[in-house]
Amino acid sequence: ECSNMAPLYSRSYLVFWAVLNLLTFTVMVAVYTRIFIYVRR
């Protein structure tokens, strides 16, 4: 179950961690996009 990149971490944890950070980043992109559209208008 270990990851090749991080030997002590399970692959499922790394996927969970990456998805969580990607969701956070996506929310941030959406918020800044909304701000940009509002300011441009």
PDB file of all heavy atoms in Angstrom:
ATOM      1  N   GLU A   1       0.821  -1.216   0.000  1.00  0.00           N
ATOM      2  CA  GLU A   1       0.000   0.000   0.000  1.00  0.00           C
ATOM      3  C   GLU A   1       0.855   1.267   0.000  1.00  0.00           C
ATOM      4  O   GLU A   1       0.352   2.363  -0.208  1.00  0.00           O
ATOM      5  CB  GLU A   1      -0.927  -0.023   1.231  1.00  0.00           C
ATOM      6  CG  GLU A   1      -1.899   1.096   1.339  1.00  0.00           C
ATOM      7  CD  GLU A   1      -2.953   1.117   0.236  1.00  0.00           C
ATOM      8  OE1 GLU A   1      -3.235   0.056  -0.347  1.00  0.00           O
ATOM      9  OE2 GLU A   1      -3.482   2.191  -0.047  1.00  0.00           O
ATOM     10  N   CYS A   2       2.164   1.132   0.222  1.00  0.00           N
ATOM     11  CA  CYS A   2       3.046   2.295   0.331  1.00  0.00           C
ATOM     12  C   CYS A   2       3.236   3.000  -1.008  1.00  0.00           C
ATOM     13  O   CYS A   2       3.241   2.378  -2.067  1.00  0.00           O
ATOM     14  CB  CYS A   2       4.422   1.881   0.854  1.00  0.00           C
ATOM     15  SG  CYS A   2       4.427   1.481   2.602  1.00  0.00           S
ATOM     16  N   SER A   3       3.442   4.296  -0.911  1.00  0.00           N
ATOM     17  CA  SER A   3       3.725   5.108  -2.089  1.00  0.00           C
ATOM     18  C   SER A   3       5.207   4.976  -2.444  1.00  0.00           C
ATOM     19  O   SER A   3       6.047   4.790  -1.569  1.00  0.00           O
ATOM     20  CB  SER A   3       3.395   6.565  -1.787  1.00  0.00           C
ATOM     21  OG  SER A   3       3.921   7.412  -2.768  1.00  0.00           O
ATOM     22  N   ASN A   4       5.515   5.091  -3.716  1.00  0.00           N
ATOM     23  CA  ASN A   4       6.912   5.062  -4.138  1.00  0.00           C
ATOM     24  C   ASN A   4       7.616   6.380  -3.845  1.00  0.00           C
ATOM     25  O   ASN A   4       8.810   6.411  -3.573  1.00  0.00           O
ATOM     26  CB  ASN A   4       7.006   4.747  -5.633  1.00  0.00           C
ATOM     27  CG  ASN A   4       6.559   3.337  -5.940  1.00  0.00           C
ATOM     28  OD1 ASN A   4       6.667   2.443  -5.110  1.00  0.00           O
ATOM     29  ND2 ASN A   4       6.033   3.137  -7.140  1.00  0.00           N
ATOM     30  N   MET A   5       6.869   7.474  -3.903  1.00  0.00           N
ATOM     31  CA  MET A   5       7.459   8.793  -3.680  1.00  0.00           C
ATOM     32  C   MET A   5       7.685   9.076  -2.196  1.00  0.00           C
ATOM     33  O   MET A   5       8.679   9.685  -1.820  1.00  0.00           O
ATOM     34  CB  MET A   5       6.561   9.885  -4.277  1.00  0.00           C
ATOM     35  CG  MET A   5       6.572   9.887  -5.781  1.00  0.00           C
ATOM     36  SD  MET A   5       5.468  11.100  -6.519  1.00  0.00           S
ATOM     37  CE  MET A   5       5.632  12.521  -5.518  1.00  0.00           C
ATOM     38  N   ALA A   6       6.748   8.692  -1.363  1.00  0.00           N
ATOM     39  CA  ALA A   6       6.839   8.901   0.080  1.00  0.00           C
ATOM     40  C   ALA A   6       6.654   7.539   0.736  1.00  0.00           C
ATOM     41  O   ALA A   6       5.526   7.137   1.024  1.00  0.00           O
ATOM     42  CB  ALA A   6       5.786   9.887   0.540  1.00  0.00           C
ATOM     43  N   PRO A   7       7.724   6.810   0.984  1.00  0.00           N
ATOM     44  CA  PRO A   7       7.632   5.406   1.391  1.00  0.00           C
ATOM     45  C   PRO A   7       6.818   5.108   2.647  1.00  0.00           C
ATOM     46  O   PRO A   7       6.267   4.034   2.765  1.00  0.00           O
ATOM     47  CB  PRO A   7       9.093   5.007   1.601  1.00  0.00           C
ATOM     48  CG  PRO A   7       9.885   6.000   0.839  1.00  0.00           C
ATOM     49  CD  PRO A   7       9.093   7.248   0.813  1.00  0.00           C
ATOM     50  N   LEU A   8       6.717   6.009   3.590  1.00  0.00           N
ATOM     51  CA  LEU A   8       5.962   5.722   4.806  1.00  0.00           C
ATOM     52  C   LEU A   8       4.492   6.115   4.707  1.00  0.00           C
ATOM     53  O   LEU A   8       3.730   5.885   5.631  1.00  0.00           O
ATOM     54  CB  LEU A   8       6.602   6.418   6.004  1.00  0.00           C
ATOM     55  CG  LEU A   8       8.011   5.937   6.356  1.00  0.00           C
ATOM     56  CD1 LEU A   8       8.560   6.717   7.529  1.00  0.00           C
ATOM     57  CD2 LEU A   8       8.001   4.452   6.664  1.00  0.00           C
ATOM     58  N   TYR A   9       4.104   6.719   3.618  1.00  0.00           N
ATOM     59  CA  TYR A   9       2.726   7.163   3.436  1.00  0.00           C
ATOM     60  C   TYR A   9       1.972   6.192   2.540  1.00  0.00           C
ATOM     61  O   TYR A   9       2.492   5.733   1.526  1.00  0.00           O
ATOM     62  CB  TYR A   9       2.679   8.552   2.799  1.00  0.00           C
ATOM     63  CG  TYR A   9       3.167   9.647   3.697  1.00  0.00           C
ATOM     64  CD1 TYR A   9       4.431  10.194   3.545  1.00  0.00           C
ATOM     65  CD2 TYR A   9       2.360  10.142   4.707  1.00  0.00           C
ATOM     66  CE1 TYR A   9       4.878  11.204   4.374  1.00  0.00           C
ATOM     67  CE2 TYR A   9       2.799  11.150   5.546  1.00  0.00           C
ATOM     68  CZ  TYR A   9       4.060  11.676   5.366  1.00  0.00           C
ATOM     69  OH  TYR A   9       4.492  12.668   6.191  1.00  0.00           O
ATOM     70  N   SER A  10       0.742   5.916   2.923  1.00  0.00           N
ATOM     71  CA  SER A  10      -0.079   5.067   2.065  1.00  0.00           C
ATOM     72  C   SER A  10      -0.577   5.886   0.888  1.00  0.00           C
ATOM     73  O   SER A  10      -0.752   7.101   0.976  1.00  0.00           O
ATOM     74  CB  SER A  10      -1.257   4.477   2.845  1.00  0.00           C
ATOM     75  OG  SER A  10      -2.224   5.466   3.079  1.00  0.00           O
ATOM     76  N   ARG A  11      -0.801   5.220  -0.204  1.00  0.00           N
ATOM     77  CA  ARG A  11      -1.281   5.908  -1.411  1.00  0.00           C
ATOM     78  C   ARG A  11      -2.647   6.560  -1.166  1.00  0.00           C
ATOM     79  O   ARG A  11      -2.909   7.653  -1.657  1.00  0.00           O
ATOM     80  CB  ARG A  11      -1.377   4.917  -2.565  1.00  0.00           C
ATOM     81  CG  ARG A  11      -0.037   4.485  -3.072  1.00  0.00           C
ATOM     82  CD  ARG A  11      -0.186   3.608  -4.307  1.00  0.00           C
ATOM     83  NE  ARG A  11       1.078   2.952  -4.561  1.00  0.00           N
ATOM     84  CZ  ARG A  11       1.252   1.655  -4.659  1.00  0.00           C
ATOM     85  NH1 ARG A  11       0.217   0.847  -4.541  1.00  0.00           N
ATOM     86  NH2 ARG A  11       2.426   1.151  -4.879  1.00  0.00           N
ATOM     87  N   SER A  12      -3.502   5.889  -0.419  1.00  0.00           N
ATOM     88  CA  SER A  12      -4.837   6.443  -0.178  1.00  0.00           C
ATOM     89  C   SER A  12      -4.763   7.759   0.608  1.00  0.00           C
ATOM     90  O   SER A  12      -5.511   8.696   0.328  1.00  0.00           O
ATOM     91  CB  SER A  12      -5.721   5.433   0.544  1.00  0.00           C
ATOM     92  OG  SER A  12      -5.163   5.079   1.787  1.00  0.00           O
ATOM     93  N   TYR A  13      -3.836   7.844   1.569  1.00  0.00           N
ATOM     94  CA  TYR A  13      -3.680   9.098   2.314  1.00  0.00           C
ATOM     95  C   TYR A  13      -3.173  10.203   1.397  1.00  0.00           C
ATOM     96  O   TYR A  13      -3.665  11.331   1.442  1.00  0.00           O
ATOM     97  CB  TYR A  13      -2.719   8.936   3.499  1.00  0.00           C
ATOM     98  CG  TYR A  13      -2.322  10.270   4.087  1.00  0.00           C
ATOM     99  CD1 TYR A  13      -3.222  10.992   4.865  1.00  0.00           C
ATOM    100  CD2 TYR A  13      -1.075  10.836   3.827  1.00  0.00           C
ATOM    101  CE1 TYR A  13      -2.888  12.231   5.383  1.00  0.00           C
ATOM    102  CE2 TYR A  13      -0.729  12.073   4.345  1.00  0.00           C
ATOM    103  CZ  TYR A  13      -1.638  12.763   5.115  1.00  0.00           C
ATOM    104  OH  TYR A  13      -1.296  13.995   5.614  1.00  0.00           O
ATOM    105  N   LEU A  14      -2.187   9.891   0.569  1.00  0.00           N
ATOM    106  CA  LEU A  14      -1.642  10.905  -0.334  1.00  0.00           C
ATOM    107  C   LEU A  14      -2.694  11.400  -1.315  1.00  0.00           C
ATOM    108  O   LEU A  14      -2.753  12.587  -1.614  1.00  0.00           O
ATOM    109  CB  LEU A  14      -0.422  10.353  -1.075  1.00  0.00           C
ATOM    110  CG  LEU A  14       0.822  10.140  -0.202  1.00  0.00           C
ATOM    111  CD1 LEU A  14       1.931   9.492  -1.021  1.00  0.00           C
ATOM    112  CD2 LEU A  14       1.292  11.448   0.395  1.00  0.00           C
ATOM    113  N   VAL A  15      -3.548  10.501  -1.794  1.00  0.00           N
ATOM    114  CA  VAL A  15      -4.633  10.914  -2.694  1.00  0.00           C
ATOM    115  C   VAL A  15      -5.608  11.812  -1.935  1.00  0.00           C
ATOM    116  O   VAL A  15      -6.021  12.858  -2.439  1.00  0.00           O
ATOM    117  CB  VAL A  15      -5.346   9.684  -3.301  1.00  0.00           C
ATOM    118  CG1 VAL A  15      -6.637  10.078  -3.983  1.00  0.00           C
ATOM    119  CG2 VAL A  15      -4.421   8.956  -4.261  1.00  0.00           C
ATOM    120  N   PHE A  16      -5.973  11.410  -0.711  1.00  0.00           N
ATOM    121  CA  PHE A  16      -6.878  12.215   0.112  1.00  0.00           C
ATOM    122  C   PHE A  16      -6.291  13.596   0.357  1.00  0.00           C
ATOM    123  O   PHE A  16      -6.969  14.619   0.194  1.00  0.00           O
ATOM    124  CB  PHE A  16      -7.134  11.505   1.445  1.00  0.00           C
ATOM    125  CG  PHE A  16      -7.844  12.348   2.460  1.00  0.00           C
ATOM    126  CD1 PHE A  16      -9.201  12.608   2.346  1.00  0.00           C
ATOM    127  CD2 PHE A  16      -7.143  12.888   3.532  1.00  0.00           C
ATOM    128  CE1 PHE A  16      -9.853  13.401   3.286  1.00  0.00           C
ATOM    129  CE2 PHE A  16      -7.788  13.676   4.465  1.00  0.00           C
ATOM    130  CZ  PHE A  16      -9.145  13.924   4.348  1.00  0.00           C
ATOM    131  N   TRP A  17      -5.026  13.666   0.734  1.00  0.00           N
ATOM    132  CA  TRP A  17      -4.361  14.925   1.023  1.00  0.00           C
ATOM    133  C   TRP A  17      -4.288  15.804  -0.226  1.00  0.00           C
ATOM    134  O   TRP A  17      -4.565  17.012  -0.165  1.00  0.00           O
ATOM    135  CB  TRP A  17      -2.962  14.635   1.572  1.00  0.00           C
ATOM    136  CG  TRP A  17      -2.184  15.849   1.942  1.00  0.00           C
ATOM    137  CD1 TRP A  17      -2.302  16.580   3.073  1.00  0.00           C
ATOM    138  CD2 TRP A  17      -1.172  16.466   1.165  1.00  0.00           C
ATOM    139  NE1 TRP A  17      -1.413  17.627   3.047  1.00  0.00           N
ATOM    140  CE2 TRP A  17      -0.714  17.576   1.892  1.00  0.00           C
ATOM    141  CE3 TRP A  17      -0.603  16.182  -0.073  1.00  0.00           C
ATOM    142  CZ2 TRP A  17       0.295  18.407   1.415  1.00  0.00           C
ATOM    143  CZ3 TRP A  17       0.389  17.020  -0.552  1.00  0.00           C
ATOM    144  CH2 TRP A  17       0.831  18.120   0.200  1.00  0.00           C
ATOM    145  N   ALA A  18      -3.940  15.210  -1.359  1.00  0.00           N
ATOM    146  CA  ALA A  18      -3.850  15.968  -2.609  1.00  0.00           C
ATOM    147  C   ALA A  18      -5.218  16.500  -3.040  1.00  0.00           C
ATOM    148  O   ALA A  18      -5.343  17.648  -3.464  1.00  0.00           O
ATOM    149  CB  ALA A  18      -3.246  15.101  -3.705  1.00  0.00           C
ATOM    150  N   VAL A  19      -6.256  15.674  -2.927  1.00  0.00           N
ATOM    151  CA  VAL A  19      -7.605  16.107  -3.302  1.00  0.00           C
ATOM    152  C   VAL A  19      -8.081  17.232  -2.390  1.00  0.00           C
ATOM    153  O   VAL A  19      -8.676  18.210  -2.854  1.00  0.00           O
ATOM    154  CB  VAL A  19      -8.584  14.914  -3.302  1.00  0.00           C
ATOM    155  CG1 VAL A  19     -10.026  15.368  -3.386  1.00  0.00           C
ATOM    156  CG2 VAL A  19      -8.260  13.964  -4.450  1.00  0.00           C
ATOM    157  N   LEU A  20      -7.810  17.123  -1.099  1.00  0.00           N
ATOM    158  CA  LEU A  20      -8.206  18.176  -0.157  1.00  0.00           C
ATOM    159  C   LEU A  20      -7.541  19.499  -0.513  1.00  0.00           C
ATOM    160  O   LEU A  20      -8.187  20.552  -0.555  1.00  0.00           O
ATOM    161  CB  LEU A  20      -7.858  17.770   1.271  1.00  0.00           C
ATOM    162  CG  LEU A  20      -8.318  18.744   2.345  1.00  0.00           C
ATOM    163  CD1 LEU A  20      -9.832  18.702   2.487  1.00  0.00           C
ATOM    164  CD2 LEU A  20      -7.653  18.423   3.654  1.00  0.00           C
ATOM    165  N   ASN A  21      -6.242  19.460  -0.796  1.00  0.00           N
ATOM    166  CA  ASN A  21      -5.536  20.683  -1.172  1.00  0.00           C
ATOM    167  C   ASN A  21      -5.997  21.198  -2.533  1.00  0.00           C
ATOM    168  O   ASN A  21      -6.091  22.405  -2.741  1.00  0.00           O
ATOM    169  CB  ASN A  21      -4.027  20.467  -1.162  1.00  0.00           C
ATOM    170  CG  ASN A  21      -3.462  20.517   0.239  1.00  0.00           C
ATOM    171  OD1 ASN A  21      -3.661  21.492   0.955  1.00  0.00           O
ATOM    172  ND2 ASN A  21      -2.773  19.478   0.645  1.00  0.00           N
ATOM    173  N   LEU A  22      -6.314  20.303  -3.447  1.00  0.00           N
ATOM    174  CA  LEU A  22      -6.818  20.713  -4.759  1.00  0.00           C
ATOM    175  C   LEU A  22      -8.192  21.375  -4.628  1.00  0.00           C
ATOM    176  O   LEU A  22      -8.471  22.381  -5.292  1.00  0.00           O
ATOM    177  CB  LEU A  22      -6.888  19.513  -5.699  1.00  0.00           C
ATOM    178  CG  LEU A  22      -7.252  19.816  -7.142  1.00  0.00           C
ATOM    179  CD1 LEU A  22      -6.213  20.729  -7.780  1.00  0.00           C
ATOM    180  CD2 LEU A  22      -7.377  18.534  -7.935  1.00  0.00           C
ATOM    181  N   LEU A  23      -9.041  20.847  -3.761  1.00  0.00           N
ATOM    182  CA  LEU A  23     -10.346  21.471  -3.519  1.00  0.00           C
ATOM    183  C   LEU A  23     -10.180  22.864  -2.918  1.00  0.00           C
ATOM    184  O   LEU A  23     -10.883  23.811  -3.299  1.00  0.00           O
ATOM    185  CB  LEU A  23     -11.203  20.597  -2.610  1.00  0.00           C
ATOM    186  CG  LEU A  23     -11.788  19.341  -3.250  1.00  0.00           C
ATOM    187  CD1 LEU A  23     -12.474  18.488  -2.194  1.00  0.00           C
ATOM    188  CD2 LEU A  23     -12.755  19.698  -4.356  1.00  0.00           C
ATOM    189  N   THR A  24      -9.266  22.981  -1.981  1.00  0.00           N
ATOM    190  CA  THR A  24      -8.993  24.282  -1.373  1.00  0.00           C
ATOM    191  C   THR A  24      -8.524  25.267  -2.441  1.00  0.00           C
ATOM    192  O   THR A  24      -8.989  26.410  -2.504  1.00  0.00           O
ATOM    193  CB  THR A  24      -7.932  24.149  -0.271  1.00  0.00           C
ATOM    194  OG1 THR A  24      -8.364  23.184   0.676  1.00  0.00           O
ATOM    195  CG2 THR A  24      -7.678  25.466   0.428  1.00  0.00           C
ATOM    196  N   PHE A  25      -7.619  24.826  -3.292  1.00  0.00           N
ATOM    197  CA  PHE A  25      -7.109  25.668  -4.371  1.00  0.00           C
ATOM    198  C   PHE A  25      -8.227  26.030  -5.349  1.00  0.00           C
ATOM    199  O   PHE A  25      -8.316  27.169  -5.816  1.00  0.00           O
ATOM    200  CB  PHE A  25      -5.962  24.955  -5.099  1.00  0.00           C
ATOM    201  CG  PHE A  25      -5.347  25.773  -6.195  1.00  0.00           C
ATOM    202  CD1 PHE A  25      -4.532  26.856  -5.899  1.00  0.00           C
ATOM    203  CD2 PHE A  25      -5.587  25.471  -7.515  1.00  0.00           C
ATOM    204  CE1 PHE A  25      -3.964  27.615  -6.903  1.00  0.00           C
ATOM    205  CE2 PHE A  25      -5.015  26.220  -8.529  1.00  0.00           C
ATOM    206  CZ  PHE A  25      -4.207  27.291  -8.221  1.00  0.00           C
ATOM    207  N   THR A  26      -9.114  25.088  -5.643  1.00  0.00           N
ATOM    208  CA  THR A  26     -10.235  25.343  -6.555  1.00  0.00           C
ATOM    209  C   THR A  26     -11.174  26.404  -5.989  1.00  0.00           C
ATOM    210  O   THR A  26     -11.635  27.288  -6.719  1.00  0.00           O
ATOM    211  CB  THR A  26     -10.996  24.039  -6.848  1.00  0.00           C
ATOM    212  OG1 THR A  26     -10.067  23.082  -7.373  1.00  0.00           O
ATOM    213  CG2 THR A  26     -12.119  24.249  -7.828  1.00  0.00           C
ATOM    214  N   VAL A  27     -11.461  26.318  -4.697  1.00  0.00           N
ATOM    215  CA  VAL A  27     -12.297  27.333  -4.052  1.00  0.00           C
ATOM    216  C   VAL A  27     -11.623  28.699  -4.173  1.00  0.00           C
ATOM    217  O   VAL A  27     -12.268  29.709  -4.489  1.00  0.00           O
ATOM    218  CB  VAL A  27     -12.575  26.978  -2.575  1.00  0.00           C
ATOM    219  CG1 VAL A  27     -13.174  28.150  -1.822  1.00  0.00           C
ATOM    220  CG2 VAL A  27     -13.464  25.761  -2.487  1.00  0.00           C
ATOM    221  N   MET A  28     -10.321  28.728  -3.956  1.00  0.00           N
ATOM    222  CA  MET A  28      -9.585  29.974  -4.043  1.00  0.00           C
ATOM    223  C   MET A  28      -9.639  30.550  -5.464  1.00  0.00           C
ATOM    224  O   MET A  28      -9.871  31.756  -5.647  1.00  0.00           O
ATOM    225  CB  MET A  28      -8.128  29.736  -3.621  1.00  0.00           C
ATOM    226  CG  MET A  28      -7.345  30.978  -3.409  1.00  0.00           C
ATOM    227  SD  MET A  28      -5.706  30.687  -2.708  1.00  0.00           S
ATOM    228  CE  MET A  28      -5.211  29.151  -3.397  1.00  0.00           C
ATOM    229  N   VAL A  29      -9.470  29.717  -6.458  1.00  0.00           N
ATOM    230  CA  VAL A  29      -9.553  30.171  -7.848  1.00  0.00           C
ATOM    231  C   VAL A  29     -10.951  30.710  -8.146  1.00  0.00           C
ATOM    232  O   VAL A  29     -11.107  31.765  -8.776  1.00  0.00           O
ATOM    233  CB  VAL A  29      -9.185  29.026  -8.828  1.00  0.00           C
ATOM    234  CG1 VAL A  29      -9.530  29.393 -10.262  1.00  0.00           C
ATOM    235  CG2 VAL A  29      -7.710  28.682  -8.713  1.00  0.00           C
ATOM    236  N   ALA A  30     -11.979  30.013  -7.683  1.00  0.00           N
ATOM    237  CA  ALA A  30     -13.352  30.460  -7.916  1.00  0.00           C
ATOM    238  C   ALA A  30     -13.614  31.811  -7.252  1.00  0.00           C
ATOM    239  O   ALA A  30     -14.248  32.694  -7.847  1.00  0.00           O
ATOM    240  CB  ALA A  30     -14.338  29.411  -7.404  1.00  0.00           C
ATOM    241  N   VAL A  31     -13.123  31.990  -6.037  1.00  0.00           N
ATOM    242  CA  VAL A  31     -13.328  33.246  -5.322  1.00  0.00           C
ATOM    243  C   VAL A  31     -12.620  34.391  -6.045  1.00  0.00           C
ATOM    244  O   VAL A  31     -13.210  35.461  -6.268  1.00  0.00           O
ATOM    245  CB  VAL A  31     -12.846  33.135  -3.856  1.00  0.00           C
ATOM    246  CG1 VAL A  31     -12.761  34.494  -3.192  1.00  0.00           C
ATOM    247  CG2 VAL A  31     -13.767  32.217  -3.081  1.00  0.00           C
ATOM    248  N   TYR A  32     -11.358  34.186  -6.433  1.00  0.00           N
ATOM    249  CA  TYR A  32     -10.639  35.242  -7.142  1.00  0.00           C
ATOM    250  C   TYR A  32     -11.232  35.505  -8.525  1.00  0.00           C
ATOM    251  O   TYR A  32     -11.234  36.643  -8.992  1.00  0.00           O
ATOM    252  CB  TYR A  32      -9.147  34.929  -7.237  1.00  0.00           C
ATOM    253  CG  TYR A  32      -8.398  35.323  -5.989  1.00  0.00           C
ATOM    254  CD1 TYR A  32      -7.765  34.375  -5.211  1.00  0.00           C
ATOM    255  CD2 TYR A  32      -8.346  36.652  -5.575  1.00  0.00           C
ATOM    256  CE1 TYR A  32      -7.084  34.736  -4.058  1.00  0.00           C
ATOM    257  CE2 TYR A  32      -7.669  37.019  -4.425  1.00  0.00           C
ATOM    258  CZ  TYR A  32      -7.041  36.059  -3.674  1.00  0.00           C
ATOM    259  OH  TYR A  32      -6.379  36.425  -2.528  1.00  0.00           O
ATOM    260  N   THR A  33     -11.752  34.495  -9.175  1.00  0.00           N
ATOM    261  CA  THR A  33     -12.419  34.697 -10.462  1.00  0.00           C
ATOM    262  C   THR A  33     -13.653  35.564 -10.278  1.00  0.00           C
ATOM    263  O   THR A  33     -13.904  36.488 -11.057  1.00  0.00           O
ATOM    264  CB  THR A  33     -12.798  33.340 -11.087  1.00  0.00           C
ATOM    265  OG1 THR A  33     -11.606  32.575 -11.274  1.00  0.00           O
ATOM    266  CG2 THR A  33     -13.505  33.521 -12.423  1.00  0.00           C
ATOM    267  N   ARG A  34     -14.424  35.276  -9.250  1.00  0.00           N
ATOM    268  CA  ARG A  34     -15.625  36.072  -8.970  1.00  0.00           C
ATOM    269  C   ARG A  34     -15.251  37.518  -8.642  1.00  0.00           C
ATOM    270  O   ARG A  34     -15.909  38.459  -9.096  1.00  0.00           O
ATOM    271  CB  ARG A  34     -16.402  35.445  -7.822  1.00  0.00           C
ATOM    272  CG  ARG A  34     -17.729  36.111  -7.601  1.00  0.00           C
ATOM    273  CD  ARG A  34     -18.689  35.224  -6.839  1.00  0.00           C
ATOM    274  NE  ARG A  34     -19.986  35.872  -6.811  1.00  0.00           N
ATOM    275  CZ  ARG A  34     -20.568  36.309  -5.706  1.00  0.00           C
ATOM    276  NH1 ARG A  34     -19.999  36.113  -4.545  1.00  0.00           N
ATOM    277  NH2 ARG A  34     -21.743  36.905  -5.762  1.00  0.00           N
ATOM    278  N   ILE A  35     -14.194  37.706  -7.860  1.00  0.00           N
ATOM    279  CA  ILE A  35     -13.729  39.058  -7.549  1.00  0.00           C
ATOM    280  C   ILE A  35     -13.304  39.770  -8.827  1.00  0.00           C
ATOM    281  O   ILE A  35     -13.667  40.936  -9.058  1.00  0.00           O
ATOM    282  CB  ILE A  35     -12.567  39.027  -6.531  1.00  0.00           C
ATOM    283  CG1 ILE A  35     -13.063  38.600  -5.153  1.00  0.00           C
ATOM    284  CG2 ILE A  35     -11.885  40.391  -6.448  1.00  0.00           C
ATOM    285  CD1 ILE A  35     -11.953  38.339  -4.151  1.00  0.00           C
ATOM    286  N   PHE A  36     -12.560  39.077  -9.676  1.00  0.00           N
ATOM    287  CA  PHE A  36     -12.089  39.682 -10.919  1.00  0.00           C
ATOM    288  C   PHE A  36     -13.256  40.109 -11.796  1.00  0.00           C
ATOM    289  O   PHE A  36     -13.280  41.221 -12.324  1.00  0.00           O
ATOM    290  CB  PHE A  36     -11.184  38.707 -11.677  1.00  0.00           C
ATOM    291  CG  PHE A  36     -10.775  39.227 -13.020  1.00  0.00           C
ATOM    292  CD1 PHE A  36      -9.789  40.187 -13.126  1.00  0.00           C
ATOM    293  CD2 PHE A  36     -11.392  38.771 -14.172  1.00  0.00           C
ATOM    294  CE1 PHE A  36      -9.415  40.686 -14.358  1.00  0.00           C
ATOM    295  CE2 PHE A  36     -11.027  39.255 -15.408  1.00  0.00           C
ATOM    296  CZ  PHE A  36     -10.040  40.216 -15.507  1.00  0.00           C
ATOM    297  N   ILE A  37     -14.241  39.247 -11.962  1.00  0.00           N
ATOM    298  CA  ILE A  37     -15.408  39.570 -12.796  1.00  0.00           C
ATOM    299  C   ILE A  37     -16.160  40.765 -12.216  1.00  0.00           C
ATOM    300  O   ILE A  37     -16.557  41.681 -12.950  1.00  0.00           O
ATOM    301  CB  ILE A  37     -16.323  38.337 -12.940  1.00  0.00           C
ATOM    302  CG1 ILE A  37     -15.630  37.280 -13.801  1.00  0.00           C
ATOM    303  CG2 ILE A  37     -17.676  38.712 -13.542  1.00  0.00           C
ATOM    304  CD1 ILE A  37     -16.308  35.933 -13.793  1.00  0.00           C
ATOM    305  N   TYR A  38     -16.336  40.780 -10.914  1.00  0.00           N
ATOM    306  CA  TYR A  38     -17.040  41.881 -10.258  1.00  0.00           C
ATOM    307  C   TYR A  38     -16.301  43.205 -10.460  1.00  0.00           C
ATOM    308  O   TYR A  38     -16.907  44.216 -10.826  1.00  0.00           O
ATOM    309  CB  TYR A  38     -17.191  41.574  -8.764  1.00  0.00           C
ATOM    310  CG  TYR A  38     -17.816  42.679  -7.973  1.00  0.00           C
ATOM    311  CD1 TYR A  38     -19.194  42.882  -7.999  1.00  0.00           C
ATOM    312  CD2 TYR A  38     -17.040  43.524  -7.187  1.00  0.00           C
ATOM    313  CE1 TYR A  38     -19.787  43.904  -7.260  1.00  0.00           C
ATOM    314  CE2 TYR A  38     -17.615  44.538  -6.453  1.00  0.00           C
ATOM    315  CZ  TYR A  38     -18.985  44.723  -6.493  1.00  0.00           C
ATOM    316  OH  TYR A  38     -19.549  45.731  -5.766  1.00  0.00           O
ATOM    317  N   VAL A  39     -14.990  43.198 -10.231  1.00  0.00           N
ATOM    318  CA  VAL A  39     -14.204  44.424 -10.361  1.00  0.00           C
ATOM    319  C   VAL A  39     -14.167  44.869 -11.822  1.00  0.00           C
ATOM    320  O   VAL A  39     -14.245  46.071 -12.111  1.00  0.00           O
ATOM    321  CB  VAL A  39     -12.782  44.229  -9.785  1.00  0.00           C
ATOM    322  CG1 VAL A  39     -11.879  45.401 -10.112  1.00  0.00           C
ATOM    323  CG2 VAL A  39     -12.847  44.012  -8.287  1.00  0.00           C
ATOM    324  N   ARG A  40     -14.071  43.937 -12.740  1.00  0.00           N
ATOM    325  CA  ARG A  40     -14.066  44.293 -14.163  1.00  0.00           C
ATOM    326  C   ARG A  40     -15.386  44.941 -14.570  1.00  0.00           C
ATOM    327  O   ARG A  40     -15.403  45.922 -15.307  1.00  0.00           O
ATOM    328  CB  ARG A  40     -13.775  43.068 -15.026  1.00  0.00           C
ATOM    329  CG  ARG A  40     -13.452  43.451 -16.467  1.00  0.00           C
ATOM    330  CD  ARG A  40     -13.070  42.285 -17.281  1.00  0.00           C
ATOM    331  NE  ARG A  40     -14.277  41.457 -17.442  1.00  0.00           N
ATOM    332  CZ  ARG A  40     -14.281  40.261 -17.981  1.00  0.00           C
ATOM    333  NH1 ARG A  40     -13.163  39.717 -18.380  1.00  0.00           N
ATOM    334  NH2 ARG A  40     -15.398  39.587 -18.107  1.00  0.00           N
ATOM    335  N   ARG A  41     -16.507  44.414 -14.085  1.00  0.00           N
ATOM    336  CA  ARG A  41     -17.811  45.025 -14.385  1.00  0.00           C
ATOM    337  C   ARG A  41     -17.900  46.440 -13.828  1.00  0.00           C
ATOM    338  O   ARG A  41     -18.372  47.354 -14.500  1.00  0.00           O
ATOM    339  CB  ARG A  41     -18.940  44.174 -13.809  1.00  0.00           C
ATOM    340  CG  ARG A  41     -19.246  42.966 -14.631  1.00  0.00           C
ATOM    341  CD  ARG A  41     -20.456  42.244 -14.081  1.00  0.00           C
ATOM    342  NE  ARG A  41     -20.601  40.951 -14.733  1.00  0.00           N
ATOM    343  CZ  ARG A  41     -21.152  39.902 -14.184  1.00  0.00           C
ATOM    344  NH1 ARG A  41     -21.618  39.961 -12.951  1.00  0.00           N
ATOM    345  NH2 ARG A  41     -21.247  38.772 -14.839  1.00  0.00           N
TER     346      ARG A  41
END
